[in-house]
Amino acid sequence: MADSLVVLAVMAGITFASRLLPFLLFSRNHPPRWVATVETVLPPLVLWLLVFYSLSSIAWLTAPYGIPALAGVGIVVLVHRWKHSALLSILSGTAVYMVLTRLLA
């Protein structure tokens, strides 16, 4: 029980320090230029990384030849361009992928 409390206290301290550290390092009104660059570049980069990683495990030479995954990605892009809603585009792309996976399998 005492070990659990020590672990919990260390985790709470680390969490608090990670939340406090940016305010101490960047106490000025504007963060450095590299932080602004990272916060604008990193989210799209992570999303592209997830897309490429999810498409890398597809067997392109066997049926259904990646059609459900490519259709799902295409629907996500089209719906997001149309409605500008991340939730709607992800849900519609997932639905298309799941339906095509069941129909083409």
PDB file of N, CA and C in Angstrom:
ATOM      1  N   MET A   1       0.826  -1.198   0.000  1.00  0.00           N
ATOM      2  CA  MET A   1       0.000   0.000   0.000  1.00  0.00           C
ATOM      3  C   MET A   1       0.869   1.260   0.000  1.00  0.00           C
ATOM      4  N   ALA A   2       1.934   1.223   0.782  1.00  0.00           N
ATOM      5  CA  ALA A   2       2.824   2.387   0.845  1.00  0.00           C
ATOM      6  C   ALA A   2       3.528   2.598  -0.498  1.00  0.00           C
ATOM      7  N   ASP A   3       3.886   1.483  -1.159  1.00  0.00           N
ATOM      8  CA  ASP A   3       4.520   1.608  -2.469  1.00  0.00           C
ATOM      9  C   ASP A   3       3.576   2.257  -3.475  1.00  0.00           C
ATOM     10  N   SER A   4       2.318   1.905  -3.396  1.00  0.00           N
ATOM     11  CA  SER A   4       1.336   2.490  -4.309  1.00  0.00           C
ATOM     12  C   SER A   4       1.199   3.986  -4.075  1.00  0.00           C
ATOM     13  N   LEU A   5       1.244   4.401  -2.838  1.00  0.00           N
ATOM     14  CA  LEU A   5       1.140   5.830  -2.539  1.00  0.00           C
ATOM     15  C   LEU A   5       2.375   6.588  -3.033  1.00  0.00           C
ATOM     16  N   VAL A   6       3.536   5.969  -2.914  1.00  0.00           N
ATOM     17  CA  VAL A   6       4.756   6.600  -3.413  1.00  0.00           C
ATOM     18  C   VAL A   6       4.688   6.739  -4.930  1.00  0.00           C
ATOM     19  N   VAL A   7       4.274   5.678  -5.615  1.00  0.00           N
ATOM     20  CA  VAL A   7       4.143   5.730  -7.067  1.00  0.00           C
ATOM     21  C   VAL A   7       3.131   6.790  -7.472  1.00  0.00           C
ATOM     22  N   LEU A   8       2.014   6.850  -6.787  1.00  0.00           N
ATOM     23  CA  LEU A   8       0.986   7.843  -7.080  1.00  0.00           C
ATOM     24  C   LEU A   8       1.505   9.258  -6.852  1.00  0.00           C
ATOM     25  N   ALA A   9       2.249   9.472  -5.775  1.00  0.00           N
ATOM     26  CA  ALA A   9       2.800  10.797  -5.496  1.00  0.00           C
ATOM     27  C   ALA A   9       3.824  11.204  -6.548  1.00  0.00           C
ATOM     28  N   VAL A  10       4.674  10.276  -6.977  1.00  0.00           N
ATOM     29  CA  VAL A  10       5.660  10.584  -8.015  1.00  0.00           C
ATOM     30  C   VAL A  10       4.955  10.910  -9.322  1.00  0.00           C
ATOM     31  N   MET A  11       3.940  10.133  -9.689  1.00  0.00           N
ATOM     32  CA  MET A  11       3.193  10.401 -10.918  1.00  0.00           C
ATOM     33  C   MET A  11       2.504  11.757 -10.861  1.00  0.00           C
ATOM     34  N   ALA A  12       1.929  12.088  -9.720  1.00  0.00           N
ATOM     35  CA  ALA A  12       1.268  13.385  -9.575  1.00  0.00           C
ATOM     36  C   ALA A  12       2.282  14.519  -9.673  1.00  0.00           C
ATOM     37  N   GLY A  13       3.450  14.342  -9.073  1.00  0.00           N
ATOM     38  CA  GLY A  13       4.489  15.371  -9.149  1.00  0.00           C
ATOM     39  C   GLY A  13       4.987  15.577 -10.566  1.00  0.00           C
ATOM     40  N   ILE A  14       5.207  14.490 -11.289  1.00  0.00           N
ATOM     41  CA  ILE A  14       5.670  14.596 -12.673  1.00  0.00           C
ATOM     42  C   ILE A  14       4.606  15.252 -13.548  1.00  0.00           C
ATOM     43  N   THR A  15       3.346  14.883 -13.355  1.00  0.00           N
ATOM     44  CA  THR A  15       2.266  15.489 -14.123  1.00  0.00           C
ATOM     45  C   THR A  15       2.176  16.984 -13.838  1.00  0.00           C
ATOM     46  N   PHE A  16       2.273  17.365 -12.561  1.00  0.00           N
ATOM     47  CA  PHE A  16       2.218  18.780 -12.193  1.00  0.00           C
ATOM     48  C   PHE A  16       3.401  19.537 -12.785  1.00  0.00           C
ATOM     49  N   ALA A  17       4.588  18.939 -12.728  1.00  0.00           N
ATOM     50  CA  ALA A  17       5.777  19.604 -13.270  1.00  0.00           C
ATOM     51  C   ALA A  17       5.674  19.772 -14.776  1.00  0.00           C
ATOM     52  N   SER A  18       5.131  18.762 -15.467  1.00  0.00           N
ATOM     53  CA  SER A  18       5.000  18.889 -16.924  1.00  0.00           C
ATOM     54  C   SER A  18       3.978  19.947 -17.306  1.00  0.00           C
ATOM     55  N   ARG A  19       3.002  20.193 -16.466  1.00  0.00           N
ATOM     56  CA  ARG A  19       2.028  21.252 -16.740  1.00  0.00           C
ATOM     57  C   ARG A  19       2.577  22.633 -16.391  1.00  0.00           C
ATOM     58  N   LEU A  20       3.446  22.685 -15.397  1.00  0.00           N
ATOM     59  CA  LEU A  20       3.983  23.957 -14.918  1.00  0.00           C
ATOM     60  C   LEU A  20       5.182  24.423 -15.752  1.00  0.00           C
ATOM     61  N   LEU A  21       5.961  23.497 -16.285  1.00  0.00           N
ATOM     62  CA  LEU A  21       7.202  23.819 -16.974  1.00  0.00           C
ATOM     63  C   LEU A  21       7.033  24.793 -18.146  1.00  0.00           C
ATOM     64  N   PRO A  22       6.045  24.643 -19.015  1.00  0.00           N
ATOM     65  CA  PRO A  22       5.908  25.629 -20.108  1.00  0.00           C
ATOM     66  C   PRO A  22       5.677  27.051 -19.616  1.00  0.00           C
ATOM     67  N   PHE A  23       4.950  27.195 -18.522  1.00  0.00           N
ATOM     68  CA  PHE A  23       4.705  28.539 -18.000  1.00  0.00           C
ATOM     69  C   PHE A  23       5.983  29.146 -17.434  1.00  0.00           C
ATOM     70  N   LEU A  24       6.838  28.315 -16.876  1.00  0.00           N
ATOM     71  CA  LEU A  24       8.100  28.824 -16.345  1.00  0.00           C
ATOM     72  C   LEU A  24       9.090  29.124 -17.461  1.00  0.00           C
ATOM     73  N   LEU A  25       9.157  28.273 -18.474  1.00  0.00           N
ATOM     74  CA  LEU A  25      10.103  28.478 -19.564  1.00  0.00           C
ATOM     75  C   LEU A  25       9.694  29.619 -20.488  1.00  0.00           C
ATOM     76  N   PHE A  26       8.413  29.737 -20.749  1.00  0.00           N
ATOM     77  CA  PHE A  26       7.927  30.736 -21.705  1.00  0.00           C
ATOM     78  C   PHE A  26       7.045  31.742 -20.975  1.00  0.00           C
ATOM     79  N   SER A  27       7.601  32.404 -19.989  1.00  0.00           N
ATOM     80  CA  SER A  27       6.805  33.333 -19.193  1.00  0.00           C
ATOM     81  C   SER A  27       6.527  34.638 -19.934  1.00  0.00           C
ATOM     82  N   ARG A  28       7.232  34.872 -21.042  1.00  0.00           N
ATOM     83  CA  ARG A  28       6.947  36.067 -21.839  1.00  0.00           C
ATOM     84  C   ARG A  28       5.580  35.930 -22.505  1.00  0.00           C
ATOM     85  N   ASN A  29       5.134  36.998 -23.128  1.00  0.00           N
ATOM     86  CA  ASN A  29       3.824  36.976 -23.776  1.00  0.00           C
ATOM     87  C   ASN A  29       3.782  36.046 -24.971  1.00  0.00           C
ATOM     88  N   HIS A  30       4.862  35.973 -25.748  1.00  0.00           N
ATOM     89  CA  HIS A  30       4.878  35.173 -26.964  1.00  0.00           C
ATOM     90  C   HIS A  30       5.931  34.079 -26.835  1.00  0.00           C
ATOM     91  N   PRO A  31       5.579  32.865 -27.225  1.00  0.00           N
ATOM     92  CA  PRO A  31       6.577  31.789 -27.193  1.00  0.00           C
ATOM     93  C   PRO A  31       7.616  32.000 -28.295  1.00  0.00           C
ATOM     94  N   PRO A  32       8.745  31.313 -28.200  1.00  0.00           N
ATOM     95  CA  PRO A  32       9.752  31.433 -29.262  1.00  0.00           C
ATOM     96  C   PRO A  32       9.198  30.977 -30.617  1.00  0.00           C
ATOM     97  N   ARG A  33       9.870  31.401 -31.663  1.00  0.00           N
ATOM     98  CA  ARG A  33       9.420  31.101 -33.022  1.00  0.00           C
ATOM     99  C   ARG A  33       9.386  29.597 -33.292  1.00  0.00           C
ATOM    100  N   TRP A  34      10.352  28.839 -32.744  1.00  0.00           N
ATOM    101  CA  TRP A  34      10.396  27.403 -33.005  1.00  0.00           C
ATOM    102  C   TRP A  34       9.213  26.687 -32.371  1.00  0.00           C
ATOM    103  N   VAL A  35       8.707  27.196 -31.244  1.00  0.00           N
ATOM    104  CA  VAL A  35       7.530  26.584 -30.622  1.00  0.00           C
ATOM    105  C   VAL A  35       6.307  26.821 -31.499  1.00  0.00           C
ATOM    106  N   ALA A  36       6.185  28.019 -32.045  1.00  0.00           N
ATOM    107  CA  ALA A  36       5.066  28.321 -32.943  1.00  0.00           C
ATOM    108  C   ALA A  36       5.138  27.464 -34.205  1.00  0.00           C
ATOM    109  N   THR A  37       6.355  27.234 -34.705  1.00  0.00           N
ATOM    110  CA  THR A  37       6.516  26.380 -35.881  1.00  0.00           C
ATOM    111  C   THR A  37       6.121  24.949 -35.569  1.00  0.00           C
ATOM    112  N   VAL A  38       6.566  24.441 -34.430  1.00  0.00           N
ATOM    113  CA  VAL A  38       6.244  23.068 -34.042  1.00  0.00           C
ATOM    114  C   VAL A  38       4.742  22.894 -33.853  1.00  0.00           C
ATOM    115  N   GLU A  39       4.088  23.861 -33.243  1.00  0.00           N
ATOM    116  CA  GLU A  39       2.652  23.695 -33.003  1.00  0.00           C
ATOM    117  C   GLU A  39       1.813  23.830 -34.260  1.00  0.00           C
ATOM    118  N   THR A  40       2.350  24.411 -35.309  1.00  0.00           N
ATOM    119  CA  THR A  40       1.603  24.450 -36.572  1.00  0.00           C
ATOM    120  C   THR A  40       1.936  23.269 -37.473  1.00  0.00           C
ATOM    121  N   VAL A  41       3.136  22.723 -37.371  1.00  0.00           N
ATOM    122  CA  VAL A  41       3.566  21.652 -38.269  1.00  0.00           C
ATOM    123  C   VAL A  41       3.262  20.271 -37.701  1.00  0.00           C
ATOM    124  N   LEU A  42       3.336  20.120 -36.400  1.00  0.00           N
ATOM    125  CA  LEU A  42       3.242  18.792 -35.800  1.00  0.00           C
ATOM    126  C   LEU A  42       1.884  18.100 -35.966  1.00  0.00           C
ATOM    127  N   PRO A  43       0.740  18.744 -35.755  1.00  0.00           N
ATOM    128  CA  PRO A  43      -0.532  18.021 -35.905  1.00  0.00           C
ATOM    129  C   PRO A  43      -0.760  17.423 -37.291  1.00  0.00           C
ATOM    130  N   PRO A  44      -0.570  18.163 -38.399  1.00  0.00           N
ATOM    131  CA  PRO A  44      -0.742  17.508 -39.703  1.00  0.00           C
ATOM    132  C   PRO A  44       0.282  16.403 -39.943  1.00  0.00           C
ATOM    133  N   LEU A  45       1.496  16.586 -39.438  1.00  0.00           N
ATOM    134  CA  LEU A  45       2.525  15.573 -39.608  1.00  0.00           C
ATOM    135  C   LEU A  45       2.142  14.270 -38.900  1.00  0.00           C
ATOM    136  N   VAL A  46       1.604  14.383 -37.708  1.00  0.00           N
ATOM    137  CA  VAL A  46       1.183  13.193 -36.968  1.00  0.00           C
ATOM    138  C   VAL A  46       0.025  12.505 -37.686  1.00  0.00           C
ATOM    139  N   LEU A  47      -0.912  13.268 -38.216  1.00  0.00           N
ATOM    140  CA  LEU A  47      -2.032  12.669 -38.934  1.00  0.00           C
ATOM    141  C   LEU A  47      -1.567  11.950 -40.193  1.00  0.00           C
ATOM    142  N   TRP A  48      -0.651  12.546 -40.948  1.00  0.00           N
ATOM    143  CA  TRP A  48      -0.115  11.869 -42.140  1.00  0.00           C
ATOM    144  C   TRP A  48       0.632  10.597 -41.756  1.00  0.00           C
ATOM    145  N   LEU A  49       1.360  10.654 -40.643  1.00  0.00           N
ATOM    146  CA  LEU A  49       2.063   9.470 -40.169  1.00  0.00           C
ATOM    147  C   LEU A  49       1.088   8.349 -39.837  1.00  0.00           C
ATOM    148  N   LEU A  50      -0.033   8.679 -39.203  1.00  0.00           N
ATOM    149  CA  LEU A  50      -1.047   7.674 -38.889  1.00  0.00           C
ATOM    150  C   LEU A  50      -1.681   7.097 -40.150  1.00  0.00           C
ATOM    151  N   VAL A  51      -1.932   7.938 -41.141  1.00  0.00           N
ATOM    152  CA  VAL A  51      -2.521   7.460 -42.392  1.00  0.00           C
ATOM    153  C   VAL A  51      -1.565   6.502 -43.095  1.00  0.00           C
ATOM    154  N   PHE A  52      -0.310   6.887 -43.220  1.00  0.00           N
ATOM    155  CA  PHE A  52       0.659   6.015 -43.895  1.00  0.00           C
ATOM    156  C   PHE A  52       0.880   4.726 -43.128  1.00  0.00           C
ATOM    157  N   TYR A  53       0.897   4.806 -41.801  1.00  0.00           N
ATOM    158  CA  TYR A  53       1.080   3.595 -41.009  1.00  0.00           C
ATOM    159  C   TYR A  53      -0.111   2.652 -41.182  1.00  0.00           C
ATOM    160  N   SER A  54      -1.311   3.200 -41.192  1.00  0.00           N
ATOM    161  CA  SER A  54      -2.485   2.332 -41.336  1.00  0.00           C
ATOM    162  C   SER A  54      -2.578   1.739 -42.740  1.00  0.00           C
ATOM    163  N   LEU A  55      -2.104   2.442 -43.754  1.00  0.00           N
ATOM    164  CA  LEU A  55      -2.137   1.911 -45.116  1.00  0.00           C
ATOM    165  C   LEU A  55      -0.975   0.960 -45.406  1.00  0.00           C
ATOM    166  N   SER A  56       0.027   0.938 -44.547  1.00  0.00           N
ATOM    167  CA  SER A  56       1.202   0.103 -44.817  1.00  0.00           C
ATOM    168  C   SER A  56       0.948  -1.382 -44.579  1.00  0.00           C
ATOM    169  N   SER A  57      -0.067  -1.715 -43.806  1.00  0.00           N
ATOM    170  CA  SER A  57      -0.308  -3.125 -43.489  1.00  0.00           C
ATOM    171  C   SER A  57      -1.324  -3.778 -44.432  1.00  0.00           C
ATOM    172  N   ILE A  58      -1.682  -3.102 -45.502  1.00  0.00           N
ATOM    173  CA  ILE A  58      -2.685  -3.631 -46.431  1.00  0.00           C
ATOM    174  C   ILE A  58      -2.006  -4.562 -47.431  1.00  0.00           C
ATOM    175  N   ALA A  59      -2.636  -5.692 -47.686  1.00  0.00           N
ATOM    176  CA  ALA A  59      -2.158  -6.611 -48.718  1.00  0.00           C
ATOM    177  C   ALA A  59      -2.697  -6.130 -50.060  1.00  0.00           C
ATOM    178  N   TRP A  60      -1.868  -5.406 -50.812  1.00  0.00           N
ATOM    179  CA  TRP A  60      -2.310  -4.766 -52.040  1.00  0.00           C
ATOM    180  C   TRP A  60      -2.502  -5.750 -53.185  1.00  0.00           C
ATOM    181  N   LEU A  61      -1.903  -6.941 -53.095  1.00  0.00           N
ATOM    182  CA  LEU A  61      -1.963  -7.892 -54.207  1.00  0.00           C
ATOM    183  C   LEU A  61      -3.013  -8.981 -54.023  1.00  0.00           C
ATOM    184  N   THR A  62      -3.735  -8.954 -52.910  1.00  0.00           N
ATOM    185  CA  THR A  62      -4.806  -9.927 -52.689  1.00  0.00           C
ATOM    186  C   THR A  62      -6.121  -9.188 -52.488  1.00  0.00           C
ATOM    187  N   ALA A  63      -7.215  -9.893 -52.797  1.00  0.00           N
ATOM    188  CA  ALA A  63      -8.543  -9.272 -52.672  1.00  0.00           C
ATOM    189  C   ALA A  63      -8.777  -8.868 -51.226  1.00  0.00           C
ATOM    190  N   PRO A  64      -9.375  -7.757 -50.986  1.00  0.00           N
ATOM    191  CA  PRO A  64     -10.032  -6.760 -51.849  1.00  0.00           C
ATOM    192  C   PRO A  64      -9.105  -5.644 -52.318  1.00  0.00           C
ATOM    193  N   TYR A  65      -7.785  -5.895 -52.334  1.00  0.00           N
ATOM    194  CA  TYR A  65      -6.803  -4.996 -52.942  1.00  0.00           C
ATOM    195  C   TYR A  65      -6.760  -3.599 -52.316  1.00  0.00           C
ATOM    196  N   GLY A  66      -7.104  -3.469 -51.073  1.00  0.00           N
ATOM    197  CA  GLY A  66      -7.045  -2.177 -50.405  1.00  0.00           C
ATOM    198  C   GLY A  66      -8.163  -1.232 -50.762  1.00  0.00           C
ATOM    199  N   ILE A  67      -9.167  -1.721 -51.463  1.00  0.00           N
ATOM    200  CA  ILE A  67     -10.280  -0.857 -51.895  1.00  0.00           C
ATOM    201  C   ILE A  67     -11.022  -0.258 -50.696  1.00  0.00           C
ATOM    202  N   PRO A  68     -11.352  -1.032 -49.646  1.00  0.00           N
ATOM    203  CA  PRO A  68     -12.055  -0.423 -48.510  1.00  0.00           C
ATOM    204  C   PRO A  68     -11.239   0.685 -47.835  1.00  0.00           C
ATOM    205  N   ALA A  69      -9.948   0.459 -47.671  1.00  0.00           N
ATOM    206  CA  ALA A  69      -9.125   1.466 -47.002  1.00  0.00           C
ATOM    207  C   ALA A  69      -8.992   2.729 -47.850  1.00  0.00           C
ATOM    208  N   LEU A  70      -8.740   2.569 -49.135  1.00  0.00           N
ATOM    209  CA  LEU A  70      -8.613   3.736 -49.998  1.00  0.00           C
ATOM    210  C   LEU A  70      -9.933   4.489 -50.131  1.00  0.00           C
ATOM    211  N   ALA A  71     -11.044   3.746 -50.185  1.00  0.00           N
ATOM    212  CA  ALA A  71     -12.357   4.408 -50.233  1.00  0.00           C
ATOM    213  C   ALA A  71     -12.622   5.157 -48.932  1.00  0.00           C
ATOM    214  N   GLY A  72     -12.256   4.558 -47.807  1.00  0.00           N
ATOM    215  CA  GLY A  72     -12.434   5.229 -46.523  1.00  0.00           C
ATOM    216  C   GLY A  72     -11.620   6.505 -46.423  1.00  0.00           C
ATOM    217  N   VAL A  73     -10.371   6.452 -46.859  1.00  0.00           N
ATOM    218  CA  VAL A  73      -9.528   7.646 -46.841  1.00  0.00           C
ATOM    219  C   VAL A  73     -10.094   8.701 -47.781  1.00  0.00           C
ATOM    220  N   GLY A  74     -10.544   8.276 -48.953  1.00  0.00           N
ATOM    221  CA  GLY A  74     -11.127   9.223 -49.899  1.00  0.00           C
ATOM    222  C   GLY A  74     -12.374   9.898 -49.358  1.00  0.00           C
ATOM    223  N   ILE A  75     -13.231   9.124 -48.704  1.00  0.00           N
ATOM    224  CA  ILE A  75     -14.444   9.701 -48.116  1.00  0.00           C
ATOM    225  C   ILE A  75     -14.102  10.677 -46.999  1.00  0.00           C
ATOM    226  N   VAL A  76     -13.105  10.341 -46.201  1.00  0.00           N
ATOM    227  CA  VAL A  76     -12.685  11.260 -45.134  1.00  0.00           C
ATOM    228  C   VAL A  76     -12.235  12.589 -45.734  1.00  0.00           C
ATOM    229  N   VAL A  77     -11.432  12.530 -46.784  1.00  0.00           N
ATOM    230  CA  VAL A  77     -10.941  13.759 -47.410  1.00  0.00           C
ATOM    231  C   VAL A  77     -12.094  14.552 -48.018  1.00  0.00           C
ATOM    232  N   LEU A  78     -12.974  13.875 -48.750  1.00  0.00           N
ATOM    233  CA  LEU A  78     -14.088  14.581 -49.403  1.00  0.00           C
ATOM    234  C   LEU A  78     -15.052  15.201 -48.393  1.00  0.00           C
ATOM    235  N   VAL A  79     -15.422  14.449 -47.375  1.00  0.00           N
ATOM    236  CA  VAL A  79     -16.370  14.986 -46.384  1.00  0.00           C
ATOM    237  C   VAL A  79     -15.732  16.115 -45.591  1.00  0.00           C
ATOM    238  N   HIS A  80     -14.442  15.988 -45.301  1.00  0.00           N
ATOM    239  CA  HIS A  80     -13.801  17.072 -44.550  1.00  0.00           C
ATOM    240  C   HIS A  80     -13.680  18.337 -45.401  1.00  0.00           C
ATOM    241  N   ARG A  81     -13.421  18.183 -46.679  1.00  0.00           N
ATOM    242  CA  ARG A  81     -13.391  19.350 -47.572  1.00  0.00           C
ATOM    243  C   ARG A  81     -14.777  19.986 -47.703  1.00  0.00           C
ATOM    244  N   TRP A  82     -15.806  19.144 -47.665  1.00  0.00           N
ATOM    245  CA  TRP A  82     -17.174  19.613 -47.863  1.00  0.00           C
ATOM    246  C   TRP A  82     -17.732  20.270 -46.614  1.00  0.00           C
ATOM    247  N   LYS A  83     -17.638  19.589 -45.458  1.00  0.00           N
ATOM    248  CA  LYS A  83     -18.280  20.074 -44.230  1.00  0.00           C
ATOM    249  C   LYS A  83     -17.323  20.671 -43.207  1.00  0.00           C
ATOM    250  N   HIS A  84     -16.024  20.458 -43.358  1.00  0.00           N
ATOM    251  CA  HIS A  84     -15.019  20.948 -42.409  1.00  0.00           C
ATOM    252  C   HIS A  84     -15.304  20.484 -40.983  1.00  0.00           C
ATOM    253  N   SER A  85     -15.709  19.241 -40.868  1.00  0.00           N
ATOM    254  CA  SER A  85     -16.012  18.656 -39.566  1.00  0.00           C
ATOM    255  C   SER A  85     -15.194  17.382 -39.409  1.00  0.00           C
ATOM    256  N   ALA A  86     -14.273  17.403 -38.462  1.00  0.00           N
ATOM    257  CA  ALA A  86     -13.417  16.237 -38.248  1.00  0.00           C
ATOM    258  C   ALA A  86     -14.236  15.030 -37.799  1.00  0.00           C
ATOM    259  N   LEU A  87     -15.176  15.245 -36.896  1.00  0.00           N
ATOM    260  CA  LEU A  87     -15.979  14.135 -36.393  1.00  0.00           C
ATOM    261  C   LEU A  87     -16.811  13.496 -37.502  1.00  0.00           C
ATOM    262  N   LEU A  88     -17.470  14.313 -38.290  1.00  0.00           N
ATOM    263  CA  LEU A  88     -18.294  13.790 -39.382  1.00  0.00           C
ATOM    264  C   LEU A  88     -17.450  13.058 -40.430  1.00  0.00           C
ATOM    265  N   SER A  89     -16.294  13.607 -40.748  1.00  0.00           N
ATOM    266  CA  SER A  89     -15.460  12.960 -41.764  1.00  0.00           C
ATOM    267  C   SER A  89     -14.893  11.642 -41.255  1.00  0.00           C
ATOM    268  N   ILE A  90     -14.473  11.582 -40.008  1.00  0.00           N
ATOM    269  CA  ILE A  90     -13.941  10.331 -39.453  1.00  0.00           C
ATOM    270  C   ILE A  90     -15.034   9.282 -39.350  1.00  0.00           C
ATOM    271  N   LEU A  91     -16.212   9.678 -38.889  1.00  0.00           N
ATOM    272  CA  LEU A  91     -17.316   8.716 -38.777  1.00  0.00           C
ATOM    273  C   LEU A  91     -17.750   8.202 -40.148  1.00  0.00           C
ATOM    274  N   SER A  92     -17.836   9.075 -41.125  1.00  0.00           N
ATOM    275  CA  SER A  92     -18.271   8.625 -42.450  1.00  0.00           C
ATOM    276  C   SER A  92     -17.211   7.740 -43.106  1.00  0.00           C
ATOM    277  N   GLY A  93     -15.951   8.084 -42.965  1.00  0.00           N
ATOM    278  CA  GLY A  93     -14.893   7.253 -43.515  1.00  0.00           C
ATOM    279  C   GLY A  93     -14.831   5.885 -42.851  1.00  0.00           C
ATOM    280  N   THR A  94     -15.032   5.847 -41.540  1.00  0.00           N
ATOM    281  CA  THR A  94     -15.056   4.573 -40.824  1.00  0.00           C
ATOM    282  C   THR A  94     -16.240   3.723 -41.266  1.00  0.00           C
ATOM    283  N   ALA A  95     -17.390   4.360 -41.422  1.00  0.00           N
ATOM    284  CA  ALA A  95     -18.580   3.621 -41.859  1.00  0.00           C
ATOM    285  C   ALA A  95     -18.384   3.034 -43.257  1.00  0.00           C
ATOM    286  N   VAL A  96     -17.843   3.817 -44.176  1.00  0.00           N
ATOM    287  CA  VAL A  96     -17.605   3.316 -45.532  1.00  0.00           C
ATOM    288  C   VAL A  96     -16.605   2.169 -45.496  1.00  0.00           C
ATOM    289  N   TYR A  97     -15.547   2.310 -44.716  1.00  0.00           N
ATOM    290  CA  TYR A  97     -14.544   1.253 -44.610  1.00  0.00           C
ATOM    291  C   TYR A  97     -15.155  -0.033 -44.056  1.00  0.00           C
ATOM    292  N   MET A  98     -15.945   0.076 -42.997  1.00  0.00           N
ATOM    293  CA  MET A  98     -16.531  -1.114 -42.379  1.00  0.00           C
ATOM    294  C   MET A  98     -17.527  -1.797 -43.311  1.00  0.00           C
ATOM    295  N   VAL A  99     -18.355  -1.019 -43.993  1.00  0.00           N
ATOM    296  CA  VAL A  99     -19.336  -1.606 -44.921  1.00  0.00           C
ATOM    297  C   VAL A  99     -18.623  -2.287 -46.085  1.00  0.00           C
ATOM    298  N   LEU A 100     -17.626  -1.613 -46.665  1.00  0.00           N
ATOM    299  CA  LEU A 100     -16.917  -2.235 -47.789  1.00  0.00           C
ATOM    300  C   LEU A 100     -16.110  -3.458 -47.360  1.00  0.00           C
ATOM    301  N   THR A 101     -15.591  -3.437 -46.155  1.00  0.00           N
ATOM    302  CA  THR A 101     -14.855  -4.590 -45.654  1.00  0.00           C
ATOM    303  C   THR A 101     -15.774  -5.800 -45.548  1.00  0.00           C
ATOM    304  N   ARG A 102     -17.011  -5.590 -45.091  1.00  0.00           N
ATOM    305  CA  ARG A 102     -17.971  -6.684 -44.979  1.00  0.00           C
ATOM    306  C   ARG A 102     -18.490  -7.137 -46.340  1.00  0.00           C
ATOM    307  N   LEU A 103     -18.696  -6.200 -47.246  1.00  0.00           N
ATOM    308  CA  LEU A 103     -19.248  -6.557 -48.554  1.00  0.00           C
ATOM    309  C   LEU A 103     -18.231  -7.225 -49.477  1.00  0.00           C
ATOM    310  N   LEU A 104     -16.984  -6.812 -49.412  1.00  0.00           N
ATOM    311  CA  LEU A 104     -15.976  -7.307 -50.324  1.00  0.00           C
ATOM    312  C   LEU A 104     -15.178  -8.502 -49.781  1.00  0.00           C
ATOM    313  N   ALA A 105     -15.394  -8.855 -48.545  1.00  0.00           N
ATOM    314  CA  ALA A 105     -14.619  -9.957 -47.958  1.00  0.00           C
ATOM    315  C   ALA A 105     -15.184 -11.315 -48.328  1.00  0.00           C
TER     316      ALA A 105
END
